[in-house]
Protein backbone atom coordinates (compact mmCIF):
# COMPACT_ATOMS: atom_id res chain seq x y z
CA MET A 1 -16.30 14.53 2.66
CA ILE A 2 -13.04 15.12 1.31
CA ILE A 3 -10.72 17.32 3.09
CA CYS A 4 -8.07 19.52 1.26
CA LYS A 5 -5.03 19.93 3.36
CA SER A 6 -3.15 23.07 4.05
CA PRO A 7 0.54 23.60 3.15
CA LEU A 8 1.57 23.24 6.72
CA GLU A 9 -0.60 19.96 7.04
CA LEU A 10 0.97 18.75 4.18
CA GLU A 11 4.33 19.36 5.58
CA LYS A 12 3.63 17.34 8.57
CA MET A 13 2.34 14.56 6.48
CA ARG A 14 5.81 14.90 4.34
CA ARG A 15 7.62 14.36 7.43
CA GLY A 16 5.68 11.13 8.41
CA GLY A 17 5.88 9.85 4.87
CA VAL A 18 9.43 10.08 4.75
CA PHE A 19 9.96 8.25 7.69
CA VAL A 20 7.76 5.53 6.35
CA TRP A 21 10.00 5.15 3.19
CA GLU A 22 12.91 4.88 5.41
CA LEU A 23 11.29 2.15 7.43
CA LEU A 24 10.22 0.28 4.67
CA ASP A 25 13.88 0.81 2.96
CA GLU A 26 15.36 -0.98 6.15
CA LEU A 27 12.53 -3.79 6.24
CA ARG A 28 13.18 -4.39 2.68
CA ALA A 29 16.90 -4.87 3.10
CA ARG A 30 16.04 -7.45 6.21
CA VAL A 31 14.08 -9.45 3.71
CA ALA A 32 15.99 -12.95 3.47
CA PRO A 33 15.34 -16.70 3.63
CA GLY A 34 14.99 -17.74 7.05
CA ILE A 35 13.82 -14.81 8.80
CA SER A 36 10.14 -14.58 10.17
CA THR A 37 7.67 -12.03 9.52
CA TYR A 38 7.68 -11.47 13.37
CA ASP A 39 11.71 -10.43 12.99
CA LEU A 40 10.38 -7.75 10.59
CA GLU A 41 7.70 -6.54 13.25
CA LYS A 42 10.22 -6.32 15.84
CA LEU A 43 12.53 -4.30 13.62
CA ALA A 44 9.59 -1.82 13.05
CA GLU A 45 8.74 -1.64 16.81
CA GLU A 46 12.41 -0.67 17.60
CA LYS A 47 12.30 2.12 14.87
CA LEU A 48 8.98 3.70 15.75
CA ALA A 49 10.03 3.66 19.70
CA GLU A 50 13.56 5.16 18.75
CA HIS A 51 11.99 8.15 16.77
CA ALA A 52 8.76 8.41 19.26
CA VAL A 53 6.47 7.51 16.42
CA GLU A 54 3.09 6.35 16.63
CA PRO A 55 1.94 3.29 14.95
CA ALA A 56 -1.23 3.75 12.63
CA PHE A 57 -2.38 0.11 12.42
CA LYS A 58 -1.77 -1.36 15.93
CA GLY A 59 -5.17 -1.41 17.87
CA LEU A 60 -7.06 0.31 14.97
CA TYR A 61 -10.47 -2.16 14.77
CA ASN A 62 -8.10 -4.29 17.26
CA TYR A 63 -5.38 -5.34 14.48
CA PRO A 64 -2.56 -6.64 16.76
CA CYS A 65 0.55 -5.44 15.35
CA ILE A 66 2.34 -2.42 13.53
CA LEU A 67 3.26 -4.05 10.08
CA CYS A 68 0.85 -6.08 7.71
CA THR A 69 3.11 -8.90 6.32
CA SER A 70 1.49 -11.07 3.68
CA ILE A 71 2.96 -13.73 1.57
CA ASN A 72 2.69 -15.29 -1.72
CA ASN A 73 -1.29 -15.67 -2.10
CA GLU A 74 -1.84 -13.38 0.72
CA ILE A 75 -3.30 -10.20 -0.69
CA VAL A 76 -3.13 -7.79 2.18
CA HIS A 77 -3.50 -7.78 6.42
CA GLY A 78 -1.24 -10.67 6.89
CA ILE A 79 -0.40 -10.67 10.77
CA PRO A 80 3.44 -11.00 11.71
CA SER A 81 4.14 -14.36 13.38
CA PRO A 82 7.36 -16.21 14.46
CA GLN A 83 5.66 -19.28 12.77
CA ARG A 84 5.70 -17.40 9.42
CA ILE A 85 9.36 -18.16 8.19
CA LEU A 86 10.13 -16.35 4.61
CA LYS A 87 11.73 -19.16 2.03
CA GLU A 88 13.61 -18.79 -1.06
CA GLY A 89 11.22 -17.70 -3.96
CA ASP A 90 8.57 -16.40 -1.83
CA ILE A 91 7.09 -12.70 -1.92
CA VAL A 92 6.10 -10.78 0.81
CA LYS A 93 3.88 -7.62 1.13
CA ILE A 94 4.96 -5.18 3.81
CA ASP A 95 2.52 -2.45 4.84
CA VAL A 96 2.86 0.12 7.31
CA GLY A 97 1.27 3.16 8.61
CA VAL A 98 2.40 5.85 11.21
CA LYS A 99 0.70 8.66 12.90
CA THR A 100 3.23 11.85 13.19
CA GLU A 101 2.26 15.44 14.38
CA GLY A 102 -1.52 14.29 14.47
CA TYR A 103 -1.35 13.29 10.63
CA TYR A 104 -1.21 9.66 8.95
CA SER A 105 1.22 8.24 6.52
CA ASP A 106 0.65 5.01 4.73
CA SER A 107 2.74 2.90 2.30
CA ALA A 108 3.46 -0.65 0.98
CA VAL A 109 5.89 -2.75 -1.05
CA THR A 110 6.33 -6.36 -2.22
CA VAL A 111 9.78 -7.57 -1.65
CA PRO A 112 11.17 -10.86 -3.29
CA VAL A 113 12.76 -13.23 -0.83
CA GLY A 114 16.14 -14.22 -2.31
CA THR A 115 15.65 -15.26 -6.15
CA ILE A 116 12.08 -15.41 -7.58
CA SER A 117 10.80 -16.79 -10.94
CA PRO A 118 10.62 -14.65 -13.71
CA GLU A 119 6.77 -14.73 -13.73
CA LEU A 120 6.69 -13.19 -10.16
CA GLU A 121 9.28 -10.80 -11.13
CA LYS A 122 6.73 -9.79 -14.19
CA LEU A 123 3.89 -9.57 -11.37
CA LEU A 124 5.89 -7.33 -9.00
CA ARG A 125 7.05 -5.07 -11.81
CA VAL A 126 3.64 -4.48 -13.44
CA THR A 127 1.86 -3.97 -10.21
CA GLU A 128 4.50 -1.17 -9.18
CA GLU A 129 4.13 0.31 -12.74
CA SER A 130 0.29 0.29 -12.25
CA LEU A 131 0.91 2.59 -9.28
CA TYR A 132 2.93 5.17 -11.13
CA GLU A 133 0.40 4.93 -14.01
CA ALA A 134 -2.35 5.94 -11.66
CA ILE A 135 -0.14 8.66 -9.90
CA ASP A 136 0.44 10.28 -13.28
CA HIS A 137 -3.36 10.98 -13.36
CA VAL A 138 -3.33 12.66 -10.07
CA ARG A 139 -3.76 16.52 -11.24
CA PRO A 140 -6.39 18.93 -10.43
CA ASP A 141 -9.86 18.62 -12.10
CA VAL A 142 -9.16 15.24 -13.16
CA HIS A 143 -11.80 12.60 -12.08
CA LEU A 144 -10.86 9.72 -9.60
CA GLY A 145 -12.19 7.52 -12.35
CA ASP A 146 -9.22 8.19 -14.19
CA VAL A 147 -6.86 7.37 -11.47
CA SER A 148 -8.70 4.01 -10.74
CA ALA A 149 -8.98 3.30 -14.44
CA ALA A 150 -5.27 3.82 -15.19
CA VAL A 151 -4.39 0.58 -12.90
CA GLN A 152 -6.89 -1.51 -14.31
CA GLN A 153 -6.11 -0.35 -17.96
CA TYR A 154 -2.35 -0.81 -17.25
CA VAL A 155 -2.79 -4.45 -15.23
CA GLU A 156 -5.36 -6.33 -17.24
CA PRO A 157 -3.69 -6.52 -20.42
CA HIS A 158 -0.59 -8.67 -18.73
CA GLY A 159 -3.57 -11.45 -18.02
CA TYR A 160 -3.50 -10.22 -14.20
CA SER A 161 -6.81 -9.16 -12.22
CA VAL A 162 -7.21 -6.26 -10.04
CA VAL A 163 -8.79 -6.99 -6.34
CA ARG A 164 -12.07 -5.45 -5.92
CA ASP A 165 -12.69 -6.16 -2.17
CA PHE A 166 -10.01 -3.75 -0.89
CA VAL A 167 -9.28 -0.32 -2.32
CA GLY A 168 -7.22 2.62 -1.62
CA HIS A 169 -8.23 5.64 0.34
CA GLY A 170 -7.94 9.50 1.34
CA ILE A 171 -5.63 10.02 4.27
CA GLY A 172 -4.88 12.70 6.59
CA SER A 173 -5.78 13.52 10.29
CA ARG A 174 -7.56 10.02 10.08
CA LEU A 175 -5.91 7.12 8.23
CA HIS A 176 -9.07 6.29 6.10
CA GLU A 177 -10.61 9.18 4.59
CA ASP A 178 -12.90 9.95 1.84
CA PRO A 179 -12.71 9.48 -1.19
CA LYS A 180 -12.32 5.58 -1.75
CA VAL A 181 -9.61 4.89 -4.36
CA PRO A 182 -10.56 1.78 -6.30
CA ASN A 183 -8.11 0.10 -8.72
CA TYR A 184 -10.68 0.06 -11.45
CA GLY A 185 -13.23 2.21 -12.63
CA THR A 186 -14.25 4.28 -15.71
CA PRO A 187 -12.46 7.31 -16.91
CA GLY A 188 -14.36 10.81 -16.33
CA ARG A 189 -16.44 9.45 -13.48
CA GLY A 190 -16.38 10.10 -9.82
CA PRO A 191 -15.17 13.48 -8.10
CA ARG A 192 -12.86 15.65 -9.52
CA LEU A 193 -9.60 16.24 -7.82
CA LYS A 194 -8.68 19.31 -6.18
CA GLU A 195 -5.46 20.97 -4.86
CA GLY A 196 -4.50 19.81 -1.34
CA MET A 197 -6.38 16.55 -1.55
CA VAL A 198 -4.29 13.64 -0.51
CA LEU A 199 -4.86 9.84 -1.74
CA ALA A 200 -3.35 6.47 -0.59
CA ILE A 201 -3.43 4.90 -4.06
CA GLU A 202 -2.69 1.07 -3.50
CA PRO A 203 -2.88 -1.62 -6.42
CA MET A 204 -3.49 -4.98 -5.29
CA VAL A 205 -2.79 -7.10 -8.38
CA ASN A 206 -3.27 -10.95 -8.49
CA ALA A 207 -1.96 -13.26 -11.01
CA GLY A 208 -5.06 -15.17 -11.35
CA LYS A 209 -8.52 -14.11 -10.35
CA ALA A 210 -9.83 -10.97 -8.80
CA GLU A 211 -11.82 -12.97 -6.03
CA ALA A 212 -10.69 -12.91 -2.53
CA ARG A 213 -11.46 -14.44 1.21
CA VAL A 214 -10.63 -13.66 4.46
CA LEU A 215 -9.18 -16.38 6.67
CA GLU A 216 -10.22 -17.29 10.32
CA ASP A 217 -8.01 -14.95 11.82
CA LYS A 218 -10.55 -12.26 10.29
CA TRP A 219 -7.73 -10.37 8.99
CA THR A 220 -5.52 -12.11 6.37
CA ALA A 221 -6.97 -11.72 3.02
CA VAL A 222 -6.01 -14.42 0.30
CA THR A 223 -6.62 -15.21 -3.28
CA GLU A 224 -9.67 -17.41 -3.91
CA ASP A 225 -7.80 -19.36 -6.40
CA GLY A 226 -4.62 -19.57 -4.70
CA SER A 227 -2.78 -17.50 -7.11
CA TYR A 228 0.09 -15.07 -5.92
CA SER A 229 -0.79 -11.06 -5.29
CA ALA A 230 1.38 -8.02 -5.60
CA HIS A 231 0.51 -4.95 -3.50
CA PHE A 232 2.29 -1.37 -3.51
CA GLU A 233 1.27 2.00 -2.26
CA HIS A 234 1.80 5.57 -2.03
CA CYS A 235 0.47 8.84 -0.47
CA VAL A 236 -0.02 11.28 -3.06
CA VAL A 237 -0.94 15.00 -3.17
CA VAL A 238 -2.99 16.76 -5.76
CA THR A 239 -0.95 19.87 -6.63
CA SER A 240 -1.25 22.39 -9.62
CA ASN A 241 2.51 21.19 -10.36
CA GLY A 242 1.34 17.69 -11.07
CA PRO A 243 1.47 14.70 -8.15
CA TRP A 244 3.54 14.88 -5.07
CA ILE A 245 4.48 11.64 -3.60
CA LEU A 246 4.54 12.19 0.16
CA THR A 247 5.95 8.69 0.94
CA LYS A 248 9.19 8.87 -1.44
CA PRO A 249 12.35 11.03 -1.15
């Protein structure tokens, strides 16, 4: 069942969304060669404690951390570790969710570590642009398939592939609500969007093929062919005035 949120609920989600944006901004600024993904985790831990904010991921399905930090060919769900040291030329995906006032917010960015290659710059740019292509379709009475297809239709002409095994989702009083939001699909298909729906839209785009596998830690998803992957995410409300991004000031 897809749940539409009231204006009061959306204001609560908005406050959480702005916190997530500000946290990601601080984490992005901290990324540099020589730091570990656990350094990022500790910063997030400090910020959540300082503002009395509850982490969304830690403990969910027994996930051990506040952040997901996925490097290079890791697509999503990389576990922060003192042994994972960032190097010049890497890209790191930082995904974070919080619970505030009983409601969840969730967002992700892919961050270059120092100077990256032009090829990786393009991968990051196209992936982020595909997110905004999808967001532009978040309007009342538009089919969900139009949102999903927007990502695929933008990404694939650049020679990239869209991950099929992991998708976006509805969000609200639970982190994962209906509907599932794939990054591929057919325009004109799927449920029609209604005012007050909130979607966590999150393109996961591989430089190579779409196939993925999960490592022995049972969390970290990597590309099957070893190609690099990028990930961006926002929470977006369907409104009569067009899309409202909750996780961006």
